[in-house]
Amino acid sequence: MQTSIFMSGATMAALLVACSATAEVPPGMAKATFVVHCYDVGVSALHGKPGVISVQSGWSGGREVDRVVYDPQVVSLTALEDWLKEADTYISTMDHSMSNMPAKEKTP
């Protein structure tokens, strides 16, 4: 008997987002997640910019997001936001200030 597994695009995207959200950031680098109107536009706006190490598009809570690993010694979070605003795709920046804390410490 052959067993097949079917995953919807949304399920696959959720798994990719969950996996990438827990990925390690190289020492000295920072990460940011931006909610955008179109993640492809966001990737294009940030690709090749000074200090941008990688840009990964995905979904979070039904919203399109771009996850960026960047060198904070070269580029600021504000500059990243400005580049996305210039491309007319920026909505907001998601908070990562508690992302490395154990779950029990994240809640008050």
PDB file of N, CA and C in Angstrom:
ATOM      1  N   MET A   1       0.844  -1.178   0.000  1.00  0.00           N
ATOM      2  CA  MET A   1       0.000   0.000   0.000  1.00  0.00           C
ATOM      3  C   MET A   1       0.890   1.241   0.000  1.00  0.00           C
ATOM      4  N   GLN A   2       0.561   2.187  -0.857  1.00  0.00           N
ATOM      5  CA  GLN A   2       1.321   3.421  -0.953  1.00  0.00           C
ATOM      6  C   GLN A   2       0.589   4.521  -0.203  1.00  0.00           C
ATOM      7  N   THR A   3       1.333   5.266   0.587  1.00  0.00           N
ATOM      8  CA  THR A   3       0.761   6.367   1.339  1.00  0.00           C
ATOM      9  C   THR A   3       1.270   7.667   0.749  1.00  0.00           C
ATOM     10  N   SER A   4       0.380   8.575   0.524  1.00  0.00           N
ATOM     11  CA  SER A   4       0.810   9.878   0.012  1.00  0.00           C
ATOM     12  C   SER A   4       0.458  10.947   1.036  1.00  0.00           C
ATOM     13  N   ILE A   5       1.270  11.979   1.057  1.00  0.00           N
ATOM     14  CA  ILE A   5       1.041  13.094   1.964  1.00  0.00           C
ATOM     15  C   ILE A   5       0.754  14.321   1.119  1.00  0.00           C
ATOM     16  N   PHE A   6      -0.338  14.969   1.438  1.00  0.00           N
ATOM     17  CA  PHE A   6      -0.709  16.179   0.715  1.00  0.00           C
ATOM     18  C   PHE A   6      -0.657  17.351   1.684  1.00  0.00           C
ATOM     19  N   MET A   7       0.032  18.404   1.272  1.00  0.00           N
ATOM     20  CA  MET A   7       0.071  19.625   2.066  1.00  0.00           C
ATOM     21  C   MET A   7      -0.378  20.772   1.187  1.00  0.00           C
ATOM     22  N   SER A   8      -1.245  21.580   1.718  1.00  0.00           N
ATOM     23  CA  SER A   8      -1.668  22.754   0.967  1.00  0.00           C
ATOM     24  C   SER A   8      -0.519  23.763   0.929  1.00  0.00           C
ATOM     25  N   GLY A   9      -0.609  24.690   0.020  1.00  0.00           N
ATOM     26  CA  GLY A   9       0.403  25.745  -0.065  1.00  0.00           C
ATOM     27  C   GLY A   9       0.501  26.529   1.229  1.00  0.00           C
ATOM     28  N   ALA A  10      -0.634  26.767   1.863  1.00  0.00           N
ATOM     29  CA  ALA A  10      -0.639  27.521   3.117  1.00  0.00           C
ATOM     30  C   ALA A  10       0.064  26.743   4.226  1.00  0.00           C
ATOM     31  N   THR A  11      -0.160  25.433   4.263  1.00  0.00           N
ATOM     32  CA  THR A  11       0.493  24.604   5.280  1.00  0.00           C
ATOM     33  C   THR A  11       1.993  24.590   5.054  1.00  0.00           C
ATOM     34  N   MET A  12       2.402  24.437   3.810  1.00  0.00           N
ATOM     35  CA  MET A  12       3.830  24.431   3.492  1.00  0.00           C
ATOM     36  C   MET A  12       4.459  25.771   3.847  1.00  0.00           C
ATOM     37  N   ALA A  13       3.782  26.861   3.518  1.00  0.00           N
ATOM     38  CA  ALA A  13       4.308  28.192   3.837  1.00  0.00           C
ATOM     39  C   ALA A  13       4.436  28.377   5.342  1.00  0.00           C
ATOM     40  N   ALA A  14       3.443  27.894   6.097  1.00  0.00           N
ATOM     41  CA  ALA A  14       3.503  28.017   7.554  1.00  0.00           C
ATOM     42  C   ALA A  14       4.687  27.244   8.118  1.00  0.00           C
ATOM     43  N   LEU A  15       4.948  26.065   7.573  1.00  0.00           N
ATOM     44  CA  LEU A  15       6.098  25.284   8.023  1.00  0.00           C
ATOM     45  C   LEU A  15       7.407  25.992   7.695  1.00  0.00           C
ATOM     46  N   LEU A  16       7.497  26.564   6.515  1.00  0.00           N
ATOM     47  CA  LEU A  16       8.710  27.287   6.127  1.00  0.00           C
ATOM     48  C   LEU A  16       8.930  28.500   7.023  1.00  0.00           C
ATOM     49  N   VAL A  17       7.860  29.219   7.328  1.00  0.00           N
ATOM     50  CA  VAL A  17       7.971  30.378   8.205  1.00  0.00           C
ATOM     51  C   VAL A  17       8.413  29.949   9.591  1.00  0.00           C
ATOM     52  N   ALA A  18       7.830  28.877  10.104  1.00  0.00           N
ATOM     53  CA  ALA A  18       8.198  28.398  11.441  1.00  0.00           C
ATOM     54  C   ALA A  18       9.656  27.974  11.487  1.00  0.00           C
ATOM     55  N   CYS A  19      10.117  27.298  10.464  1.00  0.00           N
ATOM     56  CA  CYS A  19      11.508  26.848  10.435  1.00  0.00           C
ATOM     57  C   CYS A  19      12.463  28.023  10.308  1.00  0.00           C
ATOM     58  N   SER A  20      12.140  28.971   9.443  1.00  0.00           N
ATOM     59  CA  SER A  20      13.055  30.093   9.242  1.00  0.00           C
ATOM     60  C   SER A  20      13.066  31.025  10.438  1.00  0.00           C
ATOM     61  N   ALA A  21      11.959  31.107  11.166  1.00  0.00           N
ATOM     62  CA  ALA A  21      11.897  31.989  12.322  1.00  0.00           C
ATOM     63  C   ALA A  21      12.820  31.516  13.431  1.00  0.00           C
ATOM     64  N   THR A  22      13.124  30.234  13.453  1.00  0.00           N
ATOM     65  CA  THR A  22      13.977  29.704  14.509  1.00  0.00           C
ATOM     66  C   THR A  22      15.420  29.543  14.051  1.00  0.00           C
ATOM     67  N   ALA A  23      15.713  29.921  12.806  1.00  0.00           N
ATOM     68  CA  ALA A  23      17.067  29.769  12.283  1.00  0.00           C
ATOM     69  C   ALA A  23      18.039  30.662  13.059  1.00  0.00           C
ATOM     70  N   GLU A  24      19.245  30.156  13.219  1.00  0.00           N
ATOM     71  CA  GLU A  24      20.274  30.908  13.910  1.00  0.00           C
ATOM     72  C   GLU A  24      20.763  32.052  13.041  1.00  0.00           C
ATOM     73  N   VAL A  25      21.072  33.156  13.677  1.00  0.00           N
ATOM     74  CA  VAL A  25      21.644  34.304  12.998  1.00  0.00           C
ATOM     75  C   VAL A  25      23.138  34.284  13.281  1.00  0.00           C
ATOM     76  N   PRO A  26      23.966  34.460  12.261  1.00  0.00           N
ATOM     77  CA  PRO A  26      25.414  34.445  12.484  1.00  0.00           C
ATOM     78  C   PRO A  26      25.833  35.469  13.539  1.00  0.00           C
ATOM     79  N   PRO A  27      26.889  35.188  14.272  1.00  0.00           N
ATOM     80  CA  PRO A  27      27.368  36.134  15.299  1.00  0.00           C
ATOM     81  C   PRO A  27      27.623  37.521  14.715  1.00  0.00           C
ATOM     82  N   GLY A  28      27.192  38.524  15.429  1.00  0.00           N
ATOM     83  CA  GLY A  28      27.381  39.898  15.001  1.00  0.00           C
ATOM     84  C   GLY A  28      26.322  40.411  14.047  1.00  0.00           C
ATOM     85  N   MET A  29      25.479  39.522  13.543  1.00  0.00           N
ATOM     86  CA  MET A  29      24.421  39.918  12.620  1.00  0.00           C
ATOM     87  C   MET A  29      23.111  40.083  13.389  1.00  0.00           C
ATOM     88  N   ALA A  30      22.163  40.745  12.774  1.00  0.00           N
ATOM     89  CA  ALA A  30      20.842  40.948  13.374  1.00  0.00           C
ATOM     90  C   ALA A  30      19.787  40.467  12.395  1.00  0.00           C
ATOM     91  N   LYS A  31      18.578  40.262  12.915  1.00  0.00           N
ATOM     92  CA  LYS A  31      17.478  39.861  12.036  1.00  0.00           C
ATOM     93  C   LYS A  31      16.298  40.787  12.261  1.00  0.00           C
ATOM     94  N   ALA A  32      15.519  40.936  11.220  1.00  0.00           N
ATOM     95  CA  ALA A  32      14.306  41.736  11.289  1.00  0.00           C
ATOM     96  C   ALA A  32      13.275  41.112  10.370  1.00  0.00           C
ATOM     97  N   THR A  33      12.023  41.227  10.764  1.00  0.00           N
ATOM     98  CA  THR A  33      10.928  40.748   9.922  1.00  0.00           C
ATOM     99  C   THR A  33      10.014  41.927   9.647  1.00  0.00           C
ATOM    100  N   PHE A  34       9.758  42.152   8.374  1.00  0.00           N
ATOM    101  CA  PHE A  34       8.926  43.263   7.948  1.00  0.00           C
ATOM    102  C   PHE A  34       7.638  42.749   7.333  1.00  0.00           C
ATOM    103  N   VAL A  35       6.518  43.295   7.759  1.00  0.00           N
ATOM    104  CA  VAL A  35       5.235  43.028   7.114  1.00  0.00           C
ATOM    105  C   VAL A  35       5.187  43.945   5.898  1.00  0.00           C
ATOM    106  N   VAL A  36       4.895  43.371   4.748  1.00  0.00           N
ATOM    107  CA  VAL A  36       4.932  44.123   3.491  1.00  0.00           C
ATOM    108  C   VAL A  36       3.671  43.862   2.663  1.00  0.00           C
ATOM    109  N   HIS A  37       3.416  44.752   1.719  1.00  0.00           N
ATOM    110  CA  HIS A  37       2.286  44.557   0.808  1.00  0.00           C
ATOM    111  C   HIS A  37       2.575  43.410  -0.158  1.00  0.00           C
ATOM    112  N   CYS A  38       3.829  43.322  -0.606  1.00  0.00           N
ATOM    113  CA  CYS A  38       4.223  42.273  -1.553  1.00  0.00           C
ATOM    114  C   CYS A  38       5.651  41.847  -1.224  1.00  0.00           C
ATOM    115  N   TYR A  39       5.828  40.593  -0.811  1.00  0.00           N
ATOM    116  CA  TYR A  39       7.168  40.183  -0.394  1.00  0.00           C
ATOM    117  C   TYR A  39       8.173  40.157  -1.535  1.00  0.00           C
ATOM    118  N   ASP A  40       7.714  39.937  -2.763  1.00  0.00           N
ATOM    119  CA  ASP A  40       8.645  39.968  -3.901  1.00  0.00           C
ATOM    120  C   ASP A  40       9.204  41.373  -4.118  1.00  0.00           C
ATOM    121  N   VAL A  41       8.366  42.372  -3.943  1.00  0.00           N
ATOM    122  CA  VAL A  41       8.827  43.753  -4.063  1.00  0.00           C
ATOM    123  C   VAL A  41       9.833  44.051  -2.952  1.00  0.00           C
ATOM    124  N   GLY A  42       9.549  43.563  -1.750  1.00  0.00           N
ATOM    125  CA  GLY A  42      10.466  43.758  -0.627  1.00  0.00           C
ATOM    126  C   GLY A  42      11.820  43.112  -0.868  1.00  0.00           C
ATOM    127  N   VAL A  43      11.810  41.890  -1.390  1.00  0.00           N
ATOM    128  CA  VAL A  43      13.068  41.201  -1.698  1.00  0.00           C
ATOM    129  C   VAL A  43      13.857  42.014  -2.720  1.00  0.00           C
ATOM    130  N   SER A  44      13.184  42.485  -3.755  1.00  0.00           N
ATOM    131  CA  SER A  44      13.864  43.284  -4.785  1.00  0.00           C
ATOM    132  C   SER A  44      14.421  44.586  -4.215  1.00  0.00           C
ATOM    133  N   ALA A  45      13.669  45.198  -3.302  1.00  0.00           N
ATOM    134  CA  ALA A  45      14.095  46.470  -2.723  1.00  0.00           C
ATOM    135  C   ALA A  45      15.336  46.315  -1.850  1.00  0.00           C
ATOM    136  N   LEU A  46      15.493  45.160  -1.215  1.00  0.00           N
ATOM    137  CA  LEU A  46      16.606  44.961  -0.277  1.00  0.00           C
ATOM    138  C   LEU A  46      17.780  44.187  -0.859  1.00  0.00           C
ATOM    139  N   HIS A  47      17.540  43.413  -1.900  1.00  0.00           N
ATOM    140  CA  HIS A  47      18.592  42.582  -2.491  1.00  0.00           C
ATOM    141  C   HIS A  47      19.767  43.438  -2.962  1.00  0.00           C
ATOM    142  N   GLY A  48      20.957  43.078  -2.515  1.00  0.00           N
ATOM    143  CA  GLY A  48      22.168  43.764  -2.945  1.00  0.00           C
ATOM    144  C   GLY A  48      22.472  45.058  -2.217  1.00  0.00           C
ATOM    145  N   LYS A  49      21.622  45.442  -1.273  1.00  0.00           N
ATOM    146  CA  LYS A  49      21.877  46.664  -0.520  1.00  0.00           C
ATOM    147  C   LYS A  49      23.025  46.422   0.464  1.00  0.00           C
ATOM    148  N   PRO A  50      23.812  47.462   0.750  1.00  0.00           N
ATOM    149  CA  PRO A  50      24.931  47.316   1.694  1.00  0.00           C
ATOM    150  C   PRO A  50      24.456  46.823   3.053  1.00  0.00           C
ATOM    151  N   GLY A  51      25.122  45.817   3.574  1.00  0.00           N
ATOM    152  CA  GLY A  51      24.812  45.288   4.894  1.00  0.00           C
ATOM    153  C   GLY A  51      23.736  44.222   4.935  1.00  0.00           C
ATOM    154  N   VAL A  52      23.020  44.023   3.835  1.00  0.00           N
ATOM    155  CA  VAL A  52      21.968  42.998   3.798  1.00  0.00           C
ATOM    156  C   VAL A  52      22.620  41.659   3.459  1.00  0.00           C
ATOM    157  N   ILE A  53      22.527  40.711   4.382  1.00  0.00           N
ATOM    158  CA  ILE A  53      23.125  39.391   4.206  1.00  0.00           C
ATOM    159  C   ILE A  53      22.177  38.475   3.445  1.00  0.00           C
ATOM    160  N   SER A  54      20.912  38.444   3.859  1.00  0.00           N
ATOM    161  CA  SER A  54      19.929  37.608   3.174  1.00  0.00           C
ATOM    162  C   SER A  54      18.525  38.161   3.384  1.00  0.00           C
ATOM    163  N   VAL A  55      17.659  37.851   2.430  1.00  0.00           N
ATOM    164  CA  VAL A  55      16.246  38.226   2.519  1.00  0.00           C
ATOM    165  C   VAL A  55      15.443  36.989   2.153  1.00  0.00           C
ATOM    166  N   GLN A  56      14.522  36.628   3.029  1.00  0.00           N
ATOM    167  CA  GLN A  56      13.675  35.463   2.787  1.00  0.00           C
ATOM    168  C   GLN A  56      12.223  35.897   2.885  1.00  0.00           C
ATOM    169  N   SER A  57      11.441  35.595   1.869  1.00  0.00           N
ATOM    170  CA  SER A  57      10.032  35.965   1.890  1.00  0.00           C
ATOM    171  C   SER A  57       9.196  34.823   2.438  1.00  0.00           C
ATOM    172  N   GLY A  58       8.052  35.161   2.987  1.00  0.00           N
ATOM    173  CA  GLY A  58       7.166  34.136   3.537  1.00  0.00           C
ATOM    174  C   GLY A  58       5.876  34.748   4.045  1.00  0.00           C
ATOM    175  N   TRP A  59       5.228  33.990   4.899  1.00  0.00           N
ATOM    176  CA  TRP A  59       3.941  34.389   5.466  1.00  0.00           C
ATOM    177  C   TRP A  59       4.004  34.285   6.982  1.00  0.00           C
ATOM    178  N   SER A  60       3.301  35.177   7.657  1.00  0.00           N
ATOM    179  CA  SER A  60       3.183  35.123   9.109  1.00  0.00           C
ATOM    180  C   SER A  60       1.803  35.635   9.482  1.00  0.00           C
ATOM    181  N   GLY A  61       1.005  34.779  10.059  1.00  0.00           N
ATOM    182  CA  GLY A  61      -0.340  35.183  10.450  1.00  0.00           C
ATOM    183  C   GLY A  61      -1.180  35.691   9.302  1.00  0.00           C
ATOM    184  N   GLY A  62      -1.005  35.112   8.127  1.00  0.00           N
ATOM    185  CA  GLY A  62      -1.779  35.519   6.963  1.00  0.00           C
ATOM    186  C   GLY A  62      -1.255  36.768   6.280  1.00  0.00           C
ATOM    187  N   ARG A  63      -0.118  37.258   6.734  1.00  0.00           N
ATOM    188  CA  ARG A  63       0.462  38.468   6.142  1.00  0.00           C
ATOM    189  C   ARG A  63       1.756  38.119   5.414  1.00  0.00           C
ATOM    190  N   GLU A  64       2.023  38.836   4.334  1.00  0.00           N
ATOM    191  CA  GLU A  64       3.284  38.644   3.616  1.00  0.00           C
ATOM    192  C   GLU A  64       4.394  39.325   4.410  1.00  0.00           C
ATOM    193  N   VAL A  65       5.510  38.626   4.569  1.00  0.00           N
ATOM    194  CA  VAL A  65       6.637  39.174   5.326  1.00  0.00           C
ATOM    195  C   VAL A  65       7.941  38.919   4.589  1.00  0.00           C
ATOM    196  N   ASP A  66       8.919  39.762   4.876  1.00  0.00           N
ATOM    197  CA  ASP A  66      10.291  39.553   4.441  1.00  0.00           C
ATOM    198  C   ASP A  66      11.142  39.481   5.696  1.00  0.00           C
ATOM    199  N   ARG A  67      11.892  38.378   5.818  1.00  0.00           N
ATOM    200  CA  ARG A  67      12.814  38.202   6.938  1.00  0.00           C
ATOM    201  C   ARG A  67      14.211  38.547   6.441  1.00  0.00           C
ATOM    202  N   VAL A  68      14.860  39.433   7.162  1.00  0.00           N
ATOM    203  CA  VAL A  68      16.149  39.954   6.722  1.00  0.00           C
ATOM    204  C   VAL A  68      17.208  39.670   7.782  1.00  0.00           C
ATOM    205  N   VAL A  69      18.344  39.137   7.342  1.00  0.00           N
ATOM    206  CA  VAL A  69      19.529  39.050   8.187  1.00  0.00           C
ATOM    207  C   VAL A  69      20.448  40.138   7.669  1.00  0.00           C
ATOM    208  N   TYR A  70      20.919  40.980   8.594  1.00  0.00           N
ATOM    209  CA  TYR A  70      21.726  42.123   8.171  1.00  0.00           C
ATOM    210  C   TYR A  70      22.847  42.400   9.166  1.00  0.00           C
ATOM    211  N   ASP A  71      23.822  43.175   8.704  1.00  0.00           N
ATOM    212  CA  ASP A  71      24.949  43.564   9.537  1.00  0.00           C
ATOM    213  C   ASP A  71      24.644  44.942  10.127  1.00  0.00           C
ATOM    214  N   PRO A  72      24.361  45.017  11.435  1.00  0.00           N
ATOM    215  CA  PRO A  72      23.988  46.296  12.039  1.00  0.00           C
ATOM    216  C   PRO A  72      25.144  47.298  12.095  1.00  0.00           C
ATOM    217  N   GLN A  73      26.355  46.837  11.830  1.00  0.00           N
ATOM    218  CA  GLN A  73      27.493  47.757  11.762  1.00  0.00           C
ATOM    219  C   GLN A  73      27.516  48.506  10.423  1.00  0.00           C
ATOM    220  N   VAL A  74      26.781  47.972   9.446  1.00  0.00           N
ATOM    221  CA  VAL A  74      26.789  48.546   8.090  1.00  0.00           C
ATOM    222  C   VAL A  74      25.480  49.263   7.779  1.00  0.00           C
ATOM    223  N   VAL A  75      24.365  48.698   8.225  1.00  0.00           N
ATOM    224  CA  VAL A  75      23.056  49.259   7.888  1.00  0.00           C
ATOM    225  C   VAL A  75      22.158  49.233   9.133  1.00  0.00           C
ATOM    226  N   SER A  76      21.355  50.257   9.277  1.00  0.00           N
ATOM    227  CA  SER A  76      20.447  50.345  10.420  1.00  0.00           C
ATOM    228  C   SER A  76      19.078  49.766  10.072  1.00  0.00           C
ATOM    229  N   LEU A  77      18.325  49.450  11.099  1.00  0.00           N
ATOM    230  CA  LEU A  77      16.954  48.987  10.912  1.00  0.00           C
ATOM    231  C   LEU A  77      16.134  50.069  10.203  1.00  0.00           C
ATOM    232  N   THR A  78      16.378  51.313  10.561  1.00  0.00           N
ATOM    233  CA  THR A  78      15.668  52.429   9.932  1.00  0.00           C
ATOM    234  C   THR A  78      15.945  52.498   8.438  1.00  0.00           C
ATOM    235  N   ALA A  79      17.199  52.271   8.039  1.00  0.00           N
ATOM    236  CA  ALA A  79      17.536  52.286   6.611  1.00  0.00           C
ATOM    237  C   ALA A  79      16.810  51.167   5.871  1.00  0.00           C
ATOM    238  N   LEU A  80      16.719  49.985   6.480  1.00  0.00           N
ATOM    239  CA  LEU A  80      15.989  48.878   5.862  1.00  0.00           C
ATOM    240  C   LEU A  80      14.524  49.263   5.671  1.00  0.00           C
ATOM    241  N   GLU A  81      13.928  49.840   6.721  1.00  0.00           N
ATOM    242  CA  GLU A  81      12.533  50.283   6.624  1.00  0.00           C
ATOM    243  C   GLU A  81      12.370  51.341   5.526  1.00  0.00           C
ATOM    244  N   ASP A  82      13.317  52.271   5.450  1.00  0.00           N
ATOM    245  CA  ASP A  82      13.242  53.333   4.436  1.00  0.00           C
ATOM    246  C   ASP A  82      13.300  52.758   3.022  1.00  0.00           C
ATOM    247  N   TRP A  83      14.167  51.768   2.787  1.00  0.00           N
ATOM    248  CA  TRP A  83      14.255  51.154   1.461  1.00  0.00           C
ATOM    249  C   TRP A  83      12.930  50.488   1.085  1.00  0.00           C
ATOM    250  N   LEU A  84      12.286  49.846   2.070  1.00  0.00           N
ATOM    251  CA  LEU A  84      10.989  49.220   1.798  1.00  0.00           C
ATOM    252  C   LEU A  84       9.908  50.281   1.559  1.00  0.00           C
ATOM    253  N   LYS A  85       9.983  51.379   2.297  1.00  0.00           N
ATOM    254  CA  LYS A  85       9.022  52.474   2.091  1.00  0.00           C
ATOM    255  C   LYS A  85       9.192  53.086   0.705  1.00  0.00           C
ATOM    256  N   GLU A  86      10.446  53.264   0.274  1.00  0.00           N
ATOM    257  CA  GLU A  86      10.709  53.810  -1.059  1.00  0.00           C
ATOM    258  C   GLU A  86      10.127  52.904  -2.149  1.00  0.00           C
ATOM    259  N   ALA A  87      10.091  51.603  -1.884  1.00  0.00           N
ATOM    260  CA  ALA A  87       9.519  50.649  -2.838  1.00  0.00           C
ATOM    261  C   ALA A  87       8.002  50.555  -2.692  1.00  0.00           C
ATOM    262  N   ASP A  88       7.438  51.327  -1.755  1.00  0.00           N
ATOM    263  CA  ASP A  88       5.995  51.383  -1.505  1.00  0.00           C
ATOM    264  C   ASP A  88       5.412  50.024  -1.122  1.00  0.00           C
ATOM    265  N   THR A  89       6.156  49.261  -0.299  1.00  0.00           N
ATOM    266  CA  THR A  89       5.651  47.962   0.136  1.00  0.00           C
ATOM    267  C   THR A  89       5.647  47.804   1.653  1.00  0.00           C
ATOM    268  N   TYR A  90       6.300  48.692   2.378  1.00  0.00           N
ATOM    269  CA  TYR A  90       6.423  48.586   3.834  1.00  0.00           C
ATOM    270  C   TYR A  90       5.087  48.801   4.539  1.00  0.00           C
ATOM    271  N   ILE A  91       4.786  47.905   5.504  1.00  0.00           N
ATOM    272  CA  ILE A  91       3.622  48.092   6.376  1.00  0.00           C
ATOM    273  C   ILE A  91       4.089  48.305   7.812  1.00  0.00           C
ATOM    274  N   SER A  92       4.901  47.370   8.335  1.00  0.00           N
ATOM    275  CA  SER A  92       5.385  47.494   9.708  1.00  0.00           C
ATOM    276  C   SER A  92       6.576  46.568   9.941  1.00  0.00           C
ATOM    277  N   THR A  93       7.208  46.752  11.096  1.00  0.00           N
ATOM    278  CA  THR A  93       8.316  45.913  11.516  1.00  0.00           C
ATOM    279  C   THR A  93       7.841  45.071  12.691  1.00  0.00           C
ATOM    280  N   MET A  94       8.057  43.763  12.604  1.00  0.00           N
ATOM    281  CA  MET A  94       7.657  42.870  13.693  1.00  0.00           C
ATOM    282  C   MET A  94       8.722  42.915  14.782  1.00  0.00           C
ATOM    283  N   ASP A  95       8.308  42.782  16.032  1.00  0.00           N
ATOM    284  CA  ASP A  95       9.213  42.854  17.179  1.00  0.00           C
ATOM    285  C   ASP A  95       9.960  41.547  17.369  1.00  0.00           C
ATOM    286  N   HIS A  96      11.294  41.627  17.397  1.00  0.00           N
ATOM    287  CA  HIS A  96      12.126  40.455  17.656  1.00  0.00           C
ATOM    288  C   HIS A  96      12.824  40.550  19.002  1.00  0.00           C
ATOM    289  N   SER A  97      12.453  41.521  19.812  1.00  0.00           N
ATOM    290  CA  SER A  97      13.195  41.765  21.042  1.00  0.00           C
ATOM    291  C   SER A  97      13.141  40.592  22.008  1.00  0.00           C
ATOM    292  N   MET A  98      12.122  39.742  21.887  1.00  0.00           N
ATOM    293  CA  MET A  98      12.001  38.616  22.805  1.00  0.00           C
ATOM    294  C   MET A  98      12.151  37.282  22.091  1.00  0.00           C
ATOM    295  N   SER A  99      12.615  37.287  20.858  1.00  0.00           N
ATOM    296  CA  SER A  99      12.603  36.078  20.050  1.00  0.00           C
ATOM    297  C   SER A  99      13.542  34.986  20.542  1.00  0.00           C
ATOM    298  N   ASN A 100      14.592  35.328  21.284  1.00  0.00           N
ATOM    299  CA  ASN A 100      15.533  34.313  21.740  1.00  0.00           C
ATOM    300  C   ASN A 100      15.274  33.853  23.163  1.00  0.00           C
ATOM    301  N   MET A 101      14.203  34.352  23.779  1.00  0.00           N
ATOM    302  CA  MET A 101      13.894  33.955  25.147  1.00  0.00           C
ATOM    303  C   MET A 101      13.018  32.715  25.146  1.00  0.00           C
ATOM    304  N   PRO A 102      13.171  31.847  26.155  1.00  0.00           N
ATOM    305  CA  PRO A 102      12.285  30.682  26.256  1.00  0.00           C
ATOM    306  C   PRO A 102      10.828  31.142  26.377  1.00  0.00           C
ATOM    307  N   ALA A 103       9.919  30.328  25.875  1.00  0.00           N
ATOM    308  CA  ALA A 103       8.491  30.685  25.832  1.00  0.00           C
ATOM    309  C   ALA A 103       7.964  31.108  27.200  1.00  0.00           C
ATOM    310  N   LYS A 104       8.377  30.440  28.265  1.00  0.00           N
ATOM    311  CA  LYS A 104       7.836  30.778  29.590  1.00  0.00           C
ATOM    312  C   LYS A 104       8.236  32.179  30.036  1.00  0.00           C
ATOM    313  N   GLU A 105       9.332  32.735  29.490  1.00  0.00           N
ATOM    314  CA  GLU A 105       9.773  34.061  29.862  1.00  0.00           C
ATOM    315  C   GLU A 105       9.148  35.138  28.995  1.00  0.00           C
ATOM    316  N   LYS A 106       8.505  34.754  27.897  1.00  0.00           N
ATOM    317  CA  LYS A 106       7.918  35.733  26.993  1.00  0.00           C
ATOM    318  C   LYS A 106       6.605  36.286  27.519  1.00  0.00           C
ATOM    319  N   THR A 107       5.935  35.528  28.347  1.00  0.00           N
ATOM    320  CA  THR A 107       4.635  35.968  28.828  1.00  0.00           C
ATOM    321  C   THR A 107       4.788  36.586  30.209  1.00  0.00           C
ATOM    322  N   PRO A 108       4.013  37.638  30.492  1.00  0.00           N
ATOM    323  CA  PRO A 108       4.135  38.296  31.808  1.00  0.00           C
ATOM    324  C   PRO A 108       3.609  37.428  32.921  1.00  0.00           C
TER     325      PRO A 108
END
